[in-house]
Protein backbone atom coordinates (compact mmCIF):
# COMPACT_ATOMS: atom_id res chain seq x y z
CA MET A 1 0.00 0.01 0.12
CA ALA A 2 1.38 3.52 -0.99
CA SER A 3 2.33 5.75 1.90
CA ILE A 4 0.89 9.47 2.45
CA GLU A 5 4.01 10.81 0.88
CA GLU A 6 3.81 8.44 -2.34
CA LYS A 7 0.22 9.19 -2.69
CA THR A 8 0.96 12.85 -2.44
CA ARG A 9 3.53 13.12 -4.58
CA ALA A 10 1.62 10.97 -7.41
CA LEU A 11 -1.39 13.45 -6.93
CA ARG A 12 0.92 16.73 -7.31
CA ASP A 13 2.34 14.96 -10.31
CA ASP A 14 -0.84 14.24 -11.75
CA LEU A 15 -2.21 17.87 -11.44
CA ALA A 16 1.23 19.12 -12.82
CA GLU A 17 0.56 17.41 -16.08
CA ARG A 18 -2.70 19.66 -16.75
CA ASP A 19 -2.22 22.91 -18.47
CA GLY A 20 -4.10 24.24 -15.51
CA VAL A 21 -6.92 23.53 -13.05
CA LEU A 22 -9.64 25.26 -11.15
CA VAL A 23 -10.67 23.83 -7.82
CA ALA A 24 -14.13 23.99 -6.49
CA PHE A 25 -12.89 25.72 -3.24
CA SER A 26 -15.16 25.56 -0.01
CA GLY A 27 -12.10 26.48 2.56
CA GLY A 28 -12.72 23.10 3.93
CA VAL A 29 -9.86 20.66 4.79
CA ASP A 30 -10.29 18.28 1.42
CA SER A 31 -10.46 21.63 -1.15
CA SER A 32 -7.61 23.05 0.95
CA VAL A 33 -5.66 20.26 0.09
CA VAL A 34 -6.47 19.85 -3.43
CA ALA A 35 -5.62 23.40 -3.69
CA ALA A 36 -2.44 23.57 -1.89
CA LEU A 37 -1.01 20.85 -4.00
CA ALA A 38 -2.40 22.29 -7.18
CA HIS A 39 -0.61 25.47 -6.43
CA GLU A 40 2.44 23.59 -5.84
CA ALA A 41 2.23 21.94 -9.04
CA LEU A 42 0.82 24.89 -11.19
CA GLY A 43 1.67 28.14 -9.64
CA GLU A 44 -0.52 30.74 -11.39
CA ASP A 45 -2.00 28.17 -13.59
CA ALA A 46 -4.13 26.89 -10.38
CA VAL A 47 -7.16 28.81 -9.31
CA ALA A 48 -9.57 28.41 -6.56
CA CYS A 49 -13.04 29.03 -7.18
CA THR A 50 -15.89 29.39 -4.15
CA ALA A 51 -19.68 29.88 -4.91
CA LYS A 52 -21.32 32.10 -2.94
CA SER A 53 -25.21 31.44 -2.40
CA GLU A 54 -27.68 31.74 0.00
CA THR A 55 -26.59 28.33 1.59
CA LEU A 56 -22.90 29.44 2.27
CA PRO A 57 -22.54 31.22 5.71
CA GLU A 58 -20.66 34.46 5.40
CA ALA A 59 -18.35 33.14 8.05
CA GLU A 60 -17.47 30.37 5.65
CA LEU A 61 -17.06 32.47 2.76
CA ASP A 62 -14.91 34.72 4.95
CA ASP A 63 -12.83 31.52 5.84
CA ALA A 64 -12.52 30.59 2.36
CA ARG A 65 -11.06 33.81 1.50
CA ARG A 66 -8.39 33.41 4.42
CA VAL A 67 -7.36 30.08 3.85
CA ALA A 68 -6.99 30.78 -0.07
CA ASP A 69 -4.78 33.79 1.06
CA GLU A 70 -2.83 31.34 3.28
CA ILE A 71 -2.09 28.80 0.71
CA GLY A 72 -0.96 31.73 -1.91
CA ILE A 73 -3.55 30.65 -4.68
CA ARG A 74 -5.77 33.21 -6.94
CA HIS A 75 -9.13 33.23 -5.38
CA GLU A 76 -12.19 33.72 -7.67
CA ILE A 77 -16.10 33.93 -6.25
CA VAL A 78 -19.15 33.33 -8.49
CA GLU A 79 -22.41 33.73 -7.14
CA PHE A 80 -25.77 31.77 -7.61
CA SER A 81 -29.17 30.82 -6.04
CA GLU A 82 -30.04 27.44 -5.15
CA LEU A 83 -33.58 29.00 -4.57
CA ASP A 84 -34.00 29.71 -8.11
CA ASP A 85 -34.35 25.87 -8.91
CA PRO A 86 -37.59 24.41 -7.70
CA ASP A 87 -36.21 20.67 -7.29
CA PHE A 88 -33.87 22.36 -4.68
CA VAL A 89 -36.57 24.34 -2.83
CA ALA A 90 -38.87 21.24 -2.50
CA ASN A 91 -36.13 19.77 -0.58
CA GLY A 92 -36.19 16.10 -1.25
CA ASP A 93 -34.17 13.33 -0.73
CA ASP A 94 -31.96 14.45 -3.73
CA ARG A 95 -31.73 18.04 -2.71
CA CYS A 96 -27.68 17.63 -2.48
CA TYR A 97 -27.96 16.30 -6.19
CA HIS A 98 -29.20 19.93 -7.41
CA CYS A 99 -27.26 21.97 -5.03
CA ARG A 100 -24.13 20.06 -6.18
CA THR A 101 -25.00 20.28 -10.09
CA MET A 102 -25.78 24.23 -9.91
CA ARG A 103 -22.73 24.81 -7.90
CA LEU A 104 -20.33 22.76 -10.00
CA GLY A 105 -21.90 24.18 -12.86
CA LYS A 106 -20.92 27.49 -12.13
CA MET A 107 -17.50 26.44 -11.55
CA PHE A 108 -17.28 25.01 -15.05
CA GLU A 109 -18.60 28.34 -16.50
CA ALA A 110 -15.95 30.12 -14.27
CA ALA A 111 -13.51 27.65 -15.55
CA GLU A 112 -14.22 28.11 -19.25
CA GLU A 113 -14.17 32.07 -18.79
CA LEU A 114 -10.39 31.50 -17.58
CA GLY A 115 -9.68 29.04 -20.56
CA ILE A 116 -9.01 26.10 -18.07
CA SER A 117 -10.49 22.67 -19.08
CA VAL A 118 -10.07 21.06 -15.75
CA VAL A 119 -12.15 21.47 -12.65
CA CYS A 120 -11.26 19.45 -9.64
CA ASP A 121 -13.63 19.09 -6.30
CA GLY A 122 -12.42 17.32 -2.93
CA THR A 123 -14.16 14.19 -2.82
CA ASN A 124 -11.81 12.09 -1.24
CA ALA A 125 -11.45 7.96 -1.00
CA SER A 126 -13.43 8.00 2.32
CA ASP A 127 -16.50 9.75 0.61
CA ALA A 128 -16.98 6.45 -1.77
CA ASP A 129 -18.49 4.16 0.73
CA GLY A 130 -21.54 3.53 -1.15
CA GLY A 131 -24.02 5.41 1.15
CA HIS A 132 -26.59 7.59 -0.14
CA ARG A 133 -24.70 10.59 -2.07
CA PRO A 134 -26.50 12.39 -4.56
CA GLY A 135 -23.93 15.13 -4.46
CA LEU A 136 -21.56 12.75 -5.85
CA GLN A 137 -23.74 11.57 -8.64
CA ALA A 138 -23.37 15.42 -10.03
CA VAL A 139 -19.68 15.12 -9.90
CA ASP A 140 -19.83 12.08 -12.02
CA GLU A 141 -22.48 13.69 -14.71
CA LEU A 142 -20.32 16.86 -14.77
CA ASP A 143 -17.12 15.07 -15.13
CA ALA A 144 -15.33 16.87 -12.54
CA TYR A 145 -12.10 15.24 -11.52
CA SER A 146 -11.50 14.22 -7.90
CA PRO A 147 -7.84 13.96 -7.45
CA LEU A 148 -8.33 12.73 -3.70
CA LEU A 149 -10.15 9.75 -4.76
CA VAL A 150 -8.36 8.81 -7.87
CA HIS A 151 -5.50 8.70 -5.80
CA ASP A 152 -7.19 6.89 -2.58
CA VAL A 153 -6.37 9.70 -0.58
CA THR A 154 -8.82 9.00 2.85
CA LYS A 155 -10.11 11.64 5.13
CA GLU A 156 -7.75 10.99 7.79
CA GLU A 157 -5.01 10.95 5.25
CA VAL A 158 -6.07 14.68 4.14
CA ARG A 159 -5.74 15.86 7.43
CA ALA A 160 -2.13 14.38 7.60
CA ILE A 161 -1.28 16.16 4.47
CA ALA A 162 -2.83 19.53 5.30
CA ASP A 163 -1.07 19.34 8.88
CA ASP A 164 2.09 18.61 7.13
CA ARG A 165 1.41 21.93 5.31
CA GLU A 166 0.58 23.83 8.21
CA LEU A 167 -2.73 24.62 6.94
CA THR A 168 -5.01 25.88 9.86
CA VAL A 169 -7.64 23.97 8.47
CA ALA A 170 -6.39 20.69 9.21
CA ASP A 171 -8.55 20.34 12.27
CA LYS A 172 -11.46 22.25 10.75
CA PRO A 173 -14.84 20.72 12.07
CA SER A 174 -17.42 19.39 9.08
CA MET A 175 -19.75 22.62 7.98
CA ALA A 176 -22.28 21.51 5.88
CA CYS A 177 -24.33 24.19 3.65
CA LEU A 178 -27.32 25.40 5.47
CA SER A 179 -29.83 23.83 3.95
CA SER A 180 -28.81 20.37 5.37
CA ARG A 181 -30.17 21.70 8.46
CA ILE A 182 -33.61 21.80 7.16
CA PRO A 183 -35.06 18.29 7.16
CA THR A 184 -36.14 16.55 3.92
CA GLY A 185 -39.49 17.53 2.70
CA LEU A 186 -39.62 20.82 4.37
CA GLU A 187 -39.42 23.86 1.95
CA VAL A 188 -35.88 25.20 1.99
CA THR A 189 -36.54 29.44 2.17
CA GLU A 190 -34.20 32.45 2.66
CA GLU A 191 -35.92 32.82 5.89
CA LYS A 192 -34.97 29.75 7.18
CA LEU A 193 -31.74 29.65 5.79
CA SER A 194 -30.82 33.38 7.63
CA ARG A 195 -32.34 32.22 11.10
CA VAL A 196 -30.24 29.29 11.44
CA GLU A 197 -27.18 31.00 10.17
CA LYS A 198 -27.95 33.65 12.86
CA ALA A 199 -28.44 31.06 15.53
CA GLU A 200 -25.32 28.96 14.17
CA ASN A 201 -23.39 32.57 14.72
CA LEU A 202 -24.74 32.50 18.23
CA LEU A 203 -23.06 29.37 19.07
CA ARG A 204 -19.93 29.90 17.38
CA GLN A 205 -19.74 33.11 19.64
CA TRP A 206 -20.63 31.44 23.03
CA GLY A 207 -17.39 29.07 22.39
CA PHE A 208 -19.21 25.88 20.92
CA SER A 209 -16.97 23.87 18.51
CA GLN A 210 -19.04 21.04 16.69
CA PHE A 211 -22.87 22.19 16.29
CA ARG A 212 -25.76 22.16 14.44
CA VAL A 213 -29.15 24.40 14.69
CA ARG A 214 -32.08 22.33 12.94
CA ASP A 215 -34.85 24.13 11.71
CA HIS A 216 -38.07 22.25 12.00
CA ASP A 217 -40.65 24.50 10.86
CA GLY A 218 -39.78 27.11 13.41
CA LEU A 219 -38.54 24.96 16.08
CA ALA A 220 -34.93 25.19 16.27
CA ARG A 221 -33.30 21.73 17.66
CA ILE A 222 -29.46 22.30 18.85
CA GLU A 223 -27.15 20.00 18.38
CA VAL A 224 -23.57 20.14 19.97
CA GLY A 225 -20.71 17.57 20.36
CA GLU A 226 -20.81 15.39 22.92
CA ASP A 227 -17.95 16.80 24.99
CA GLU A 228 -19.60 19.95 24.99
CA LEU A 229 -23.06 18.82 26.38
CA ASP A 230 -22.40 19.40 29.55
CA VAL A 231 -22.07 23.38 28.67
CA ALA A 232 -25.40 22.89 26.88
CA LEU A 233 -27.22 21.85 29.98
CA ASP A 234 -26.20 24.82 32.17
CA PRO A 235 -29.53 26.90 32.87
CA ASP A 236 -27.36 29.99 31.90
CA PHE A 237 -26.83 28.64 28.39
CA ALA A 238 -30.69 27.53 28.19
CA ALA A 239 -31.76 30.70 29.11
CA ALA A 240 -29.84 32.71 26.56
CA ALA A 241 -30.59 30.13 23.89
CA ARG A 242 -34.22 30.84 24.44
CA GLU A 243 -34.09 34.35 24.46
CA HIS A 244 -31.65 34.91 21.21
CA LEU A 245 -33.03 32.31 18.99
CA THR A 246 -36.51 33.31 19.76
CA ASP A 247 -34.96 37.02 18.77
CA VAL A 248 -33.72 35.59 15.21
CA GLY A 249 -37.02 34.16 14.22
CA PHE A 250 -37.64 30.54 15.90
CA ASP A 251 -40.78 29.85 17.77
CA HIS A 252 -39.40 27.25 20.11
CA VAL A 253 -36.02 26.10 21.24
CA THR A 254 -34.71 22.61 22.18
CA LEU A 255 -31.95 20.63 22.89
CA ASP A 256 -30.91 17.34 21.38
CA LEU A 257 -29.70 14.92 24.18
CA HIS A 258 -28.19 12.72 21.44
CA GLY A 259 -25.73 15.59 20.73
CA TYR A 260 -24.43 16.52 17.43
CA ARG A 261 -25.03 14.05 14.55
CA THR A 262 -24.57 14.18 10.56
CA GLY A 263 -27.52 13.09 8.84
CA SER A 264 -29.64 13.48 11.83
CA VAL A 265 -32.74 15.47 9.45
CA SER A 266 -32.13 14.16 5.74
CA PRO A 267 -30.60 10.90 4.68
CA GLY A 268 -27.89 12.90 2.06
CA ASP A 269 -26.44 14.97 5.05
CA ALA A 270 -23.99 12.56 6.35
CA ALA A 271 -22.48 11.92 2.91
CA ASP A 272 -22.39 15.15 1.48
CA GLU A 273 -21.23 17.52 4.85
CA ASP A 274 -17.85 18.48 3.18
CA GLU A 275 -16.98 20.59 0.28
CA ALA A 276 -20.41 22.37 -0.25
CA GLY A 277 -20.66 18.97 1.34
CA ALA A 278 -18.41 17.90 4.67
CA ASN A 279 -15.34 19.50 6.05
CA GLY A 280 -14.24 16.36 8.01
CA ASP A 281 -14.93 14.49 11.39
CA ALA A 282 -16.46 16.00 14.33
CA THR A 283 -13.53 16.16 16.93
CA ARG A 284 -11.92 19.07 18.63
CA ASP A 285 -7.96 19.08 18.79
CA GLU A 286 -6.39 18.07 21.91
CA GLU A 287 -5.59 21.29 22.94
CA ALA A 288 -8.80 22.93 22.38
CA ALA A 289 -10.33 19.89 24.70
CA ASP A 290 -7.94 20.63 27.50
CA GLU A 291 -9.30 24.27 27.74
CA PRO A 292 -12.17 25.21 30.62
CA LEU A 293 -14.61 25.35 28.43
CA VAL A 294 -17.87 25.85 30.98
CA GLU A 295 -16.04 28.89 32.48
CA ASP A 296 -14.72 30.40 29.12
CA VAL A 297 -18.30 30.35 28.17
CA PHE A 298 -19.81 31.73 31.14
CA ALA A 299 -17.34 34.05 32.05
CA ALA A 300 -18.79 37.00 29.85
CA GLU A 301 -22.66 37.91 29.11
CA TYR A 302 -23.88 36.25 26.11
CA PRO A 303 -23.90 38.38 22.80
CA SER A 304 -27.04 39.00 20.76
CA ALA A 305 -26.96 37.92 17.05
CA GLU A 306 -26.93 41.66 15.89
């Protein structure tokens, strides 16, 4: 079996044979590794491209800009709206297919304008486990190139490559598009996406590392990582969450005692939580886990959503 170093070298040499590549870039660990290796192989002939839409949290777009700058790769941003597609809005179990088709379609349009013939995505070898993956169907149909998959680079190896290159996203938790917070069959609307984004911004400000706010038609179901449940069970957090999440538009606020789980509202979520789609596992790094999180979070007043 090839070592990580051998796989990395083969992948980089593969990309170096191209005249140029455009990387579908979310700023997650998978697309960041592809972008970093493409930049190493091709220099200015490698471009990272992020698709901005209502389902992409503004914080994630900012992070993509920052990571692209960290890598040193040219970064382009294209815009589109999934809400223009009634099949996406209907939120069936193939929602990720429609999202990925539109998103990658914009990447191919951008690549054509730049005179680039190859569009790469961040699908890795761990993604191809035969589960429910409508998003990967779009990758196949549009003929996007998945170098991590082709060279059998697993998610664990992706993180090792990122760590070796000192990328700050090496341990970044997963962060799927906002529509993954809305249960299958419930219509996706701009109002729902907006209140989910505001609610999750609050959890981020309050110090949580791995979390989701699921929108059940006005009922907020908060999920946090198992190691952070003790914080979420604190009465002060419960009061703050109830107050501020109703302020951003939710009618009711609940805490899921199972904790954070991928795919807990929709069959496609677990498969597609990375690269507009999923950003990796749900662990915190050891240093963060050693911090006195409860004291840090409750030392100050909870901020508002403003």
